[in-house]
Amino acid sequence: MKPPFRVPATLFELGQVVATRGVVASCSMPYMEQCLARHVRGDWGVVCAEDRKSNFEALFAGLRVLSAYPIDPDKPCKGFGDNTLWIITEADRSVTTFLLPNEY
């Protein structure tokens, strides 16, 4: 029997997934999981056009991948500054980090 849904393949390995204290205090675990699922499937949230292009190139060149999502989806998010959650997967794919821009 087939499962009732199809899970799309991921685009890259995440390595060890870690989060800073600021993220743990600001985001729920289900929301972090939702953002991580978007990140690994190529939905990089509210990153600028340059970062979106860099992320696409990173898939083939083995470079760092950056996603940005609003902490509170009902409030504006520019991809940096207040109300922003970053997810960064390192170039060697050894670790993926959840962090706030002021923790970078």
Protein backbone atom coordinates (compact mmCIF):
# COMPACT_ATOMS: atom_id res chain seq x y z
CA MET A 1 0.00 0.00 0.00
CA LYS A 2 1.35 3.44 -0.94
CA PRO A 3 1.48 6.26 1.62
CA PRO A 4 -1.25 8.91 1.20
CA PHE A 5 1.29 11.60 0.33
CA ARG A 6 4.55 11.98 -1.54
CA VAL A 7 7.50 13.57 0.23
CA PRO A 8 9.67 15.55 -2.23
CA ALA A 9 13.37 14.77 -2.28
CA THR A 10 15.68 17.15 -0.48
CA LEU A 11 18.19 19.20 -2.44
CA PHE A 12 21.17 18.86 -0.09
CA GLU A 13 22.34 17.30 3.15
CA LEU A 14 21.82 19.23 6.39
CA GLY A 15 24.47 17.65 8.59
CA GLN A 16 24.03 18.24 12.32
CA VAL A 17 21.16 20.67 12.99
CA VAL A 18 21.71 23.16 15.82
CA ALA A 19 19.98 26.30 17.10
CA THR A 20 21.14 29.30 19.07
CA ARG A 21 19.54 30.25 22.39
CA GLY A 22 17.89 33.23 20.76
CA VAL A 23 16.06 31.03 18.26
CA VAL A 24 15.01 28.52 20.90
CA ALA A 25 13.53 31.39 22.93
CA SER A 26 11.83 32.96 19.89
CA CYS A 27 10.44 30.04 17.84
CA SER A 28 8.44 26.90 18.51
CA MET A 29 9.90 23.55 17.51
CA PRO A 30 7.08 22.86 15.01
CA TYR A 31 7.74 26.21 13.32
CA MET A 32 11.49 25.50 13.18
CA GLU A 33 10.75 22.11 11.60
CA GLN A 34 8.47 23.77 9.04
CA CYS A 35 11.17 26.30 8.11
CA LEU A 36 13.83 23.58 7.92
CA ALA A 37 11.63 21.56 5.54
CA ARG A 38 11.28 24.63 3.31
CA HIS A 39 15.03 25.33 3.48
CA VAL A 40 16.12 21.84 2.39
CA ARG A 41 13.63 21.84 -0.51
CA GLY A 42 14.77 25.17 -1.97
CA ASP A 43 12.12 27.54 -0.59
CA TRP A 44 14.54 30.05 0.89
CA GLY A 45 11.91 32.40 2.22
CA VAL A 46 12.56 36.14 2.08
CA VAL A 47 16.20 36.23 0.99
CA CYS A 48 17.20 38.90 -1.52
CA ALA A 49 17.61 38.10 -5.23
CA GLU A 50 21.40 37.91 -4.87
CA ASP A 51 21.19 35.35 -2.04
CA ARG A 52 18.57 33.37 -3.97
CA LYS A 53 20.97 33.18 -6.94
CA SER A 54 23.87 32.26 -4.63
CA ASN A 55 21.80 29.49 -3.05
CA PHE A 56 20.98 28.03 -6.46
CA GLU A 57 24.66 28.08 -7.42
CA ALA A 58 25.56 26.57 -4.04
CA LEU A 59 23.55 23.46 -4.87
CA PHE A 60 26.03 22.67 -7.66
CA ALA A 61 29.22 24.20 -6.28
CA GLY A 62 28.96 22.99 -2.69
CA LEU A 63 28.74 26.44 -1.11
CA ARG A 64 26.84 27.77 1.92
CA VAL A 65 23.03 27.95 1.72
CA LEU A 66 21.10 30.72 3.53
CA SER A 67 17.36 30.98 4.14
CA ALA A 68 15.43 33.70 5.95
CA TYR A 69 11.92 33.44 7.37
CA PRO A 70 9.77 35.68 9.57
CA ILE A 71 9.69 34.67 13.23
CA ASP A 72 6.10 35.90 13.29
CA PRO A 73 4.58 35.30 9.83
CA ASP A 74 1.91 37.95 10.52
CA LYS A 75 4.54 40.70 10.75
CA PRO A 76 6.81 42.15 8.03
CA CYS A 77 10.20 40.51 7.47
CA LYS A 78 12.97 41.89 5.25
CA GLY A 79 15.23 38.84 5.52
CA PHE A 80 17.44 40.64 8.05
CA GLY A 81 16.93 42.59 11.26
CA ASP A 82 13.93 42.25 13.55
CA ASN A 83 11.46 39.40 13.07
CA THR A 84 13.97 37.33 11.09
CA LEU A 85 15.06 33.72 11.51
CA TRP A 86 18.07 32.59 9.50
CA ILE A 87 18.98 29.03 8.61
CA ILE A 88 22.50 28.49 7.29
CA THR A 89 23.84 25.19 5.96
CA GLU A 90 27.63 25.24 5.79
CA ALA A 91 29.45 24.63 2.52
CA ASP A 92 30.72 21.21 3.60
CA ARG A 93 27.16 20.26 4.69
CA SER A 94 28.44 19.28 8.13
CA VAL A 95 26.09 21.55 10.07
CA THR A 96 22.91 23.59 9.64
CA THR A 97 22.37 26.40 12.12
CA PHE A 98 19.23 28.27 13.13
CA LEU A 99 20.18 31.75 14.29
CA LEU A 100 18.96 35.32 14.59
CA PRO A 101 20.73 37.97 12.51
CA ASN A 102 22.08 39.67 15.65
CA GLU A 103 23.72 36.36 16.63
CA TYR A 104 25.76 36.09 13.42
